C-alpha cells in the first residue's frame, strides 16, 4: 500500500506504507500518522505531510536558528501554530530564552503529538513554555507582550483555510508591532519549486509592504520532495550579512552547536537564492490582504477517500497496476 501527495496538477509523490497508526478528524482538520518505509512515522494534516522522524530537523532548524542567532539574548518568543512541538524544541535550545508563548488552535493535534512523540511531550512540559489553544492572530492582537522573535509554523495556507489570515498584510503589520525594536519575524512560505512558488512570491511581496528587511531563503526537504521556502523579516536586521564563522560562534555561545543540519556554511547556502527563483519572486505573486478579492494562483491538492482504508485518505494499492507499471528488480542504468 502507498500513500500519495499531490504537489502539482501532473505530479504526485508516493510513500510506501508500513503501517497505518492513527487517523482522527479533529475540529479543524484530518490528522493521520503513517509509518512509511523511508521516513518512519509521518504526520499528515488534511493529506499534506508535516514532519517525519527521519528528517524533521532540516525544516525546523532552518525555520528557527537563522532568526534566533540574530538576537543578542532572545528572551521572549511567540510561535503561531507549532502543534508538533518541533519549532518549540529548537527555540528552547537557546539558553537565553525565558518564555515561549505558543498558540495552536487545534488542541487535539498537540495532545496527539505529545502522546506519540517524546520530543513534543518534553517541549510542552518545559516550564518556559506557555501553551494556548486559540486563534493566533487574536492572541497576538490582545497581548501586551513584546517578542524577540515571532515564528509561524502552520499548515501551508490555501485561500480560505484556518491558516490563511496569518499570511496577510494585516497580520504581518500586527507582528511588526509586537516585535521588540531589533526583533525578527520568520515563516515557512510554501514550495520553492519555481513551478509552484507563486504563494512564496506573494508572501515575500506582502512582507515587503511591512518590513524594511525581507530575506527569502530555501532548503531541500526530502519529505516534501522539493525545495521549501522560508522568509525572514525585520526592521533592523539583515541575516545575510552574517559570515559563516560568526554563525558558528553564535551557535556555540547559545548552546546550539550540536545541530544536525544548520551551521555557518548552511546559513550561507540557504540564503543563496538561485537565478530562476529570484525572477519568480520579482515577477509573480500578489500582496495578500483581508480585503483583497483577487487570489494568487496556487495549486490546491484534492483529498481522496480510500475505501479500503477507513478514515485514511490518498491511499492506493499499486499492485493492481502491476500489468501497466513494471517495477524493475535491478537498478536501471541511464548512462
Protein backbone atom coordinates (compact mmCIF):
# COMPACT_ATOMS: atom_id res chain seq x y z
CA UNK A 1 0.00 0.00 0.00
CA UNK A 2 1.17 3.51 -0.83
CA UNK A 3 0.18 7.00 0.32
CA UNK A 4 0.43 9.76 -2.23
CA UNK A 5 0.69 13.53 -2.05
CA UNK A 6 -0.32 15.80 -4.92
CA UNK A 7 2.27 18.53 -5.45
CA UNK A 8 1.06 19.73 -8.83
CA UNK A 9 -1.58 19.14 -11.47
CA UNK A 10 0.52 16.37 -13.03
CA UNK A 11 2.84 15.31 -10.23
CA UNK A 12 2.49 13.08 -7.17
CA UNK A 13 4.89 11.77 -4.55
CA UNK A 14 4.29 8.20 -3.31
CA UNK A 15 5.30 6.90 0.13
CA UNK A 16 5.38 3.15 0.76
CA UNK A 17 3.25 2.44 3.83
CA UNK A 18 4.40 0.02 6.52
CA UNK A 19 1.60 0.74 8.98
CA UNK A 20 -1.44 3.00 9.39
CA UNK A 21 -1.07 4.10 13.00
CA UNK A 22 -3.76 6.72 13.56
CA UNK A 23 -6.43 8.68 11.74
CA UNK A 24 -8.54 11.24 13.57
CA UNK A 25 -10.78 14.05 12.41
CA UNK A 26 -10.22 16.96 14.79
CA UNK A 27 -12.43 20.03 14.98
CA UNK A 28 -10.27 21.70 12.33
CA UNK A 29 -8.53 19.08 10.19
CA UNK A 30 -7.84 15.44 9.43
CA UNK A 31 -4.80 14.13 11.33
CA UNK A 32 -3.02 10.96 10.23
CA UNK A 33 0.12 9.24 11.49
CA UNK A 34 1.53 6.82 8.91
CA UNK A 35 4.61 4.65 9.30
CA UNK A 36 6.45 4.80 5.98
CA UNK A 37 9.36 2.74 4.72
CA UNK A 38 11.75 5.65 4.08
CA UNK A 39 10.69 8.33 6.58
CA UNK A 40 9.45 6.41 9.61
CA UNK A 41 6.38 7.87 11.28
CA UNK A 42 4.99 10.79 9.26
CA UNK A 43 2.38 13.26 10.46
CA UNK A 44 -0.17 14.31 7.82
CA UNK A 45 -2.75 17.09 8.19
CA UNK A 46 -5.53 17.17 5.60
CA UNK A 47 -3.43 14.88 3.43
CA UNK A 48 -0.31 17.07 3.46
CA UNK A 49 2.88 15.77 5.12
CA UNK A 50 4.03 17.89 8.05
CA UNK A 51 7.02 16.16 9.61
CA UNK A 52 8.82 12.83 9.69
CA UNK A 53 11.03 11.06 12.21
CA UNK A 54 13.91 10.78 9.76
CA UNK A 55 14.46 14.36 8.55
CA UNK A 56 12.26 16.77 10.51
CA UNK A 57 15.35 18.57 11.78
CA UNK A 58 16.01 20.09 8.34
CA UNK A 59 12.81 22.13 8.25
CA UNK A 60 12.77 23.02 11.94
CA UNK A 61 16.41 24.04 12.28
CA UNK A 62 16.08 26.20 9.16
CA UNK A 63 12.92 27.85 10.45
CA UNK A 64 14.26 28.73 13.89
CA UNK A 65 18.00 29.25 14.12
CA UNK A 66 18.68 31.81 11.33
CA UNK A 67 16.49 34.21 13.30
CA UNK A 68 17.44 33.30 16.85
CA UNK A 69 21.15 33.85 16.25
CA UNK A 70 20.49 37.42 15.08
CA UNK A 71 19.33 38.28 18.60
CA UNK A 72 21.81 39.15 21.32
CA UNK A 73 19.82 37.41 24.06
CA UNK A 74 16.38 36.28 22.85
CA UNK A 75 14.23 36.06 25.96
CA UNK A 76 10.64 36.04 24.71
CA UNK A 77 9.38 34.17 21.65
CA UNK A 78 5.98 33.72 20.01
CA UNK A 79 5.04 30.70 17.90
CA UNK A 80 1.85 30.66 15.87
CA UNK A 81 0.87 27.06 15.22
CA UNK A 82 3.65 24.61 16.02
CA UNK A 83 1.45 21.86 17.40
CA UNK A 84 4.10 19.19 16.75
CA UNK A 85 6.40 20.80 19.33
CA UNK A 86 9.32 20.77 16.90
CA UNK A 87 9.69 24.52 16.41
CA UNK A 88 9.32 24.85 20.17
CA UNK A 89 12.08 22.29 20.73
CA UNK A 90 14.50 24.26 18.56
CA UNK A 91 13.65 27.57 20.26
CA UNK A 92 14.17 26.07 23.71
CA UNK A 93 17.72 25.03 22.77
CA UNK A 94 18.70 28.69 23.18
CA UNK A 95 19.85 29.22 26.74
CA UNK A 96 18.71 32.86 26.96
CA UNK A 97 15.05 32.02 26.32
CA UNK A 98 12.85 32.73 29.32
CA UNK A 99 9.33 32.38 27.89
CA UNK A 100 7.73 30.96 24.75
CA UNK A 101 4.10 31.74 24.02
CA UNK A 102 2.92 29.04 21.63
CA UNK A 103 -0.59 29.38 20.24
CA UNK A 104 -2.06 26.46 18.29
CA UNK A 105 -5.79 26.49 17.75
CA UNK A 106 -6.05 22.69 17.47
CA UNK A 107 -5.67 21.17 20.92
CA UNK A 108 -6.12 17.64 19.59
CA UNK A 109 -3.05 17.92 17.36
CA UNK A 110 -0.93 18.96 20.35
CA UNK A 111 -2.33 16.20 22.58
CA UNK A 112 -1.75 13.50 19.97
CA UNK A 113 1.81 14.70 19.26
CA UNK A 114 2.58 14.69 22.99
CA UNK A 115 1.32 11.09 23.17
CA UNK A 116 3.23 9.76 20.17
CA UNK A 117 6.44 11.83 20.17
CA UNK A 118 8.79 12.19 23.14
CA UNK A 119 10.22 15.49 21.91
CA UNK A 120 6.73 17.02 21.95
CA UNK A 121 6.00 15.87 25.48
CA UNK A 122 9.34 17.24 26.69
CA UNK A 123 9.00 20.59 24.90
CA UNK A 124 5.45 21.28 26.03
CA UNK A 125 6.31 20.36 29.63
CA UNK A 126 9.27 22.75 29.77
CA UNK A 127 8.50 25.44 32.38
CA UNK A 128 9.40 28.18 29.89
CA UNK A 129 6.54 27.05 27.62
CA UNK A 130 3.15 28.77 27.81
CA UNK A 131 0.65 26.90 25.62
CA UNK A 132 -2.62 28.41 24.42
CA UNK A 133 -5.37 26.93 22.25
CA UNK A 134 -6.95 29.85 20.47
CA UNK A 135 -6.68 31.92 17.32
CA UNK A 136 -3.05 33.03 16.98
CA UNK A 137 -3.95 36.32 15.31
CA UNK A 138 -6.44 37.20 18.02
CA UNK A 139 -3.96 36.25 20.75
CA UNK A 140 -1.25 38.44 19.29
CA UNK A 141 -3.70 41.31 18.93
CA UNK A 142 -4.70 41.09 22.59
CA UNK A 143 -1.33 40.54 24.24
CA UNK A 144 0.77 43.34 25.70
CA UNK A 145 3.95 41.29 25.31
CA UNK A 146 6.81 42.22 23.01
CA UNK A 147 8.85 39.46 21.41
CA UNK A 148 12.41 38.99 20.23
CA UNK A 149 11.23 36.52 17.59
CA UNK A 150 7.86 35.60 16.12
CA UNK A 151 7.56 32.34 14.19
CA UNK A 152 4.77 30.95 12.05
CA UNK A 153 4.67 27.15 11.87
CA UNK A 154 1.26 26.31 10.46
CA UNK A 155 -0.17 24.17 7.71
CA UNK A 156 0.54 25.91 4.43
CA UNK A 157 -2.36 28.27 3.71
CA UNK A 158 -4.58 27.89 0.69
CA UNK A 159 -7.25 30.57 0.12
CA UNK A 160 -9.80 30.26 2.90
CA UNK A 161 -8.47 27.76 5.43
CA UNK A 162 -7.72 28.42 9.11
CA UNK A 163 -4.11 29.46 8.45
CA UNK A 164 -4.84 31.94 5.64
CA UNK A 165 -5.44 35.04 7.88
CA UNK A 166 -1.91 34.61 9.29
CA UNK A 167 -0.34 35.24 5.89
CA UNK A 168 -1.90 38.60 5.09
CA UNK A 169 -0.59 42.14 5.36
CA UNK A 170 -2.74 42.95 8.38
CA UNK A 171 -1.25 40.11 10.39
CA UNK A 172 2.28 40.99 9.33
CA UNK A 173 1.65 44.57 10.50
CA UNK A 174 0.44 43.23 13.84
CA UNK A 175 3.52 41.03 14.14
CA UNK A 176 5.76 44.02 13.43
CA UNK A 177 4.07 45.97 16.23
CA UNK A 178 4.58 43.11 18.68
CA UNK A 179 8.29 42.74 17.98
CA UNK A 180 10.98 44.40 20.03
CA UNK A 181 12.91 47.06 18.03
CA UNK A 182 15.55 44.57 16.82
CA UNK A 183 13.20 41.59 16.63
CA UNK A 184 12.63 39.22 13.74
CA UNK A 185 9.61 37.58 12.14
CA UNK A 186 10.02 34.25 10.34
CA UNK A 187 7.64 32.00 8.49
CA UNK A 188 7.68 28.98 6.27
CA UNK A 189 6.43 30.09 2.86
CA UNK A 190 5.28 27.07 0.86
CA UNK A 191 7.03 25.45 -2.11
CA UNK A 192 10.23 26.90 -3.55
CA UNK A 193 9.92 24.82 -6.71
CA UNK A 194 9.70 27.55 -9.35
CA UNK A 195 6.68 25.80 -10.92
CA UNK A 196 4.63 26.07 -7.73
CA UNK A 197 6.10 29.08 -5.95
CA UNK A 198 3.51 31.79 -6.58
CA UNK A 199 2.49 31.69 -2.91
CA UNK A 200 6.14 32.07 -1.89
CA UNK A 201 6.33 35.19 -4.05
CA UNK A 202 3.06 36.50 -2.58
CA UNK A 203 4.27 36.06 1.00
CA UNK A 204 7.56 37.82 0.23
CA UNK A 205 5.81 40.71 -1.56
CA UNK A 206 3.36 41.11 1.32
CA UNK A 207 6.13 41.14 3.93
CA UNK A 208 7.97 43.78 1.90
CA UNK A 209 4.99 46.08 2.42
CA UNK A 210 5.61 45.97 6.17
CA UNK A 211 9.27 45.30 6.99
CA UNK A 212 12.47 47.10 5.99
CA UNK A 213 14.43 43.85 5.50
CA UNK A 214 12.81 40.79 3.93
CA UNK A 215 15.14 37.92 3.08
CA UNK A 216 13.74 34.77 1.46
CA UNK A 217 15.61 31.50 1.80
CA UNK A 218 15.14 27.85 0.88
CA UNK A 219 16.19 24.34 1.87
CA UNK A 220 15.63 20.99 0.21
CA UNK A 221 13.24 18.92 2.33
CA UNK A 222 13.21 15.23 1.38
CA UNK A 223 9.75 14.52 2.82
CA UNK A 224 8.23 17.22 0.63
CA UNK A 225 10.31 16.14 -2.36
CA UNK A 226 11.26 19.72 -3.22
CA UNK A 227 12.95 22.90 -2.06
CA UNK A 228 10.89 24.50 0.69
CA UNK A 229 10.61 28.23 1.22
CA UNK A 230 11.10 30.45 4.26
CA UNK A 231 11.06 34.20 4.78
CA UNK A 232 12.93 36.30 7.35
CA UNK A 233 11.65 39.82 8.07
CA UNK A 234 12.92 42.58 10.35
CA UNK A 235 13.02 46.35 10.53
CA UNK A 236 16.68 46.47 11.54
CA UNK A 237 18.45 43.17 10.79
CA UNK A 238 19.80 41.63 7.60
CA UNK A 239 20.79 37.98 8.33
CA UNK A 240 22.66 37.65 5.02
CA UNK A 241 25.42 39.89 6.42
CA UNK A 242 26.47 37.18 8.87
CA UNK A 243 29.64 35.31 7.91
CA UNK A 244 29.88 31.53 8.45
CA UNK A 245 32.30 31.81 11.36
CA UNK A 246 30.01 34.36 13.05
CA UNK A 247 27.06 31.97 12.78
CA UNK A 248 29.11 29.12 14.24
CA UNK A 249 30.37 31.27 17.10
CA UNK A 250 26.83 32.38 17.92
CA UNK A 251 25.56 28.79 17.93
CA UNK A 252 28.28 27.80 20.39
CA UNK A 253 27.54 30.83 22.54
CA UNK A 254 23.83 29.98 22.74
CA UNK A 255 24.35 26.27 23.39
CA UNK A 256 23.15 25.17 19.94
CA UNK A 257 26.34 23.77 18.44
CA UNK A 258 25.05 20.20 18.28
CA UNK A 259 22.59 20.65 15.44
CA UNK A 260 22.17 18.13 12.62
CA UNK A 261 21.78 20.44 9.63
CA UNK A 262 22.23 24.13 10.27
CA UNK A 263 25.61 25.84 10.71
CA UNK A 264 27.56 28.73 9.23
CA UNK A 265 28.07 27.26 5.75
CA UNK A 266 24.45 26.08 5.64
CA UNK A 267 23.34 29.60 6.56
CA UNK A 268 25.26 30.95 3.59
CA UNK A 269 23.80 28.31 1.28
CA UNK A 270 20.11 28.62 2.21
CA UNK A 271 20.10 32.40 1.67
CA UNK A 272 21.67 31.98 -1.79
CA UNK A 273 18.55 32.01 -3.95
CA UNK A 274 19.08 30.77 -7.50
CA UNK A 275 18.56 33.00 -10.54
CA UNK A 276 15.28 31.42 -11.64
CA UNK A 277 13.72 31.77 -8.20
CA UNK A 278 14.84 35.38 -7.91
CA UNK A 279 12.99 36.03 -11.18
CA UNK A 280 9.85 34.32 -9.87
CA UNK A 281 9.93 36.31 -6.64
CA UNK A 282 10.24 39.52 -8.61
CA UNK A 283 7.60 38.86 -11.27
CA UNK A 284 4.97 36.63 -9.67
CA UNK A 285 2.67 36.78 -6.66
CA UNK A 286 0.37 39.41 -5.23
CA UNK A 287 0.02 41.35 -1.99
CA UNK A 288 -2.27 39.36 0.33
CA UNK A 289 -4.76 41.38 2.39
CA UNK A 290 -8.02 40.79 4.24
CA UNK A 291 -9.92 42.87 1.70
CA UNK A 292 -8.20 41.68 -1.46
CA UNK A 293 -10.78 40.00 -3.65
CA UNK A 294 -8.22 38.60 -6.08
CA UNK A 295 -6.41 35.37 -5.23
CA UNK A 296 -2.95 34.28 -6.24
CA UNK A 297 -2.84 31.25 -8.49
CA UNK A 298 -1.74 28.34 -6.34
CA UNK A 299 -2.21 24.61 -6.60
CA UNK A 300 -4.71 23.28 -4.05
CA UNK A 301 -4.39 19.50 -3.69
CA UNK A 302 -7.50 17.35 -3.51
CA UNK A 303 -8.14 14.80 -0.79
CA UNK A 304 -9.40 11.41 -1.99
CA UNK A 305 -11.19 8.90 0.22
CA UNK A 306 -9.60 5.44 0.43
CA UNK A 307 -12.41 2.85 0.60
CA UNK A 308 -10.11 0.00 1.66
CA UNK A 309 -8.63 2.10 4.49
CA UNK A 310 -11.43 3.66 6.51
CA UNK A 311 -10.65 7.22 7.72
CA UNK A 312 -7.36 7.40 5.78
CA UNK A 313 -7.01 9.43 2.59
CA UNK A 314 -4.87 9.33 -0.57
CA UNK A 315 -4.05 5.64 -0.19
CA UNK A 316 -3.60 3.36 -3.21
CA UNK A 317 -2.62 -0.24 -3.89
CA UNK A 318 -0.20 -0.10 -6.80
CA UNK A 319 -0.25 -3.87 -7.23
CA UNK A 320 -3.47 -3.53 -9.21
CA UNK A 321 -1.46 -1.59 -11.79
CA UNK A 322 1.36 -4.14 -11.99
CA UNK A 323 0.46 -5.02 -15.58
CA UNK A 324 0.97 -1.38 -16.56
CA UNK A 325 3.76 -0.32 -14.24
CA UNK A 326 6.83 -2.54 -14.31
CA UNK A 327 8.88 -2.22 -11.15
CA UNK A 328 12.45 -3.15 -12.03
CA UNK A 329 14.13 -5.52 -9.60
CA UNK A 330 17.59 -4.30 -10.64
CA UNK A 331 18.82 -0.72 -10.96
CA UNK A 332 18.31 0.82 -14.36
CA UNK A 333 21.47 2.18 -15.94
CA UNK A 334 20.62 5.54 -17.50
CA UNK A 335 24.01 6.41 -18.98
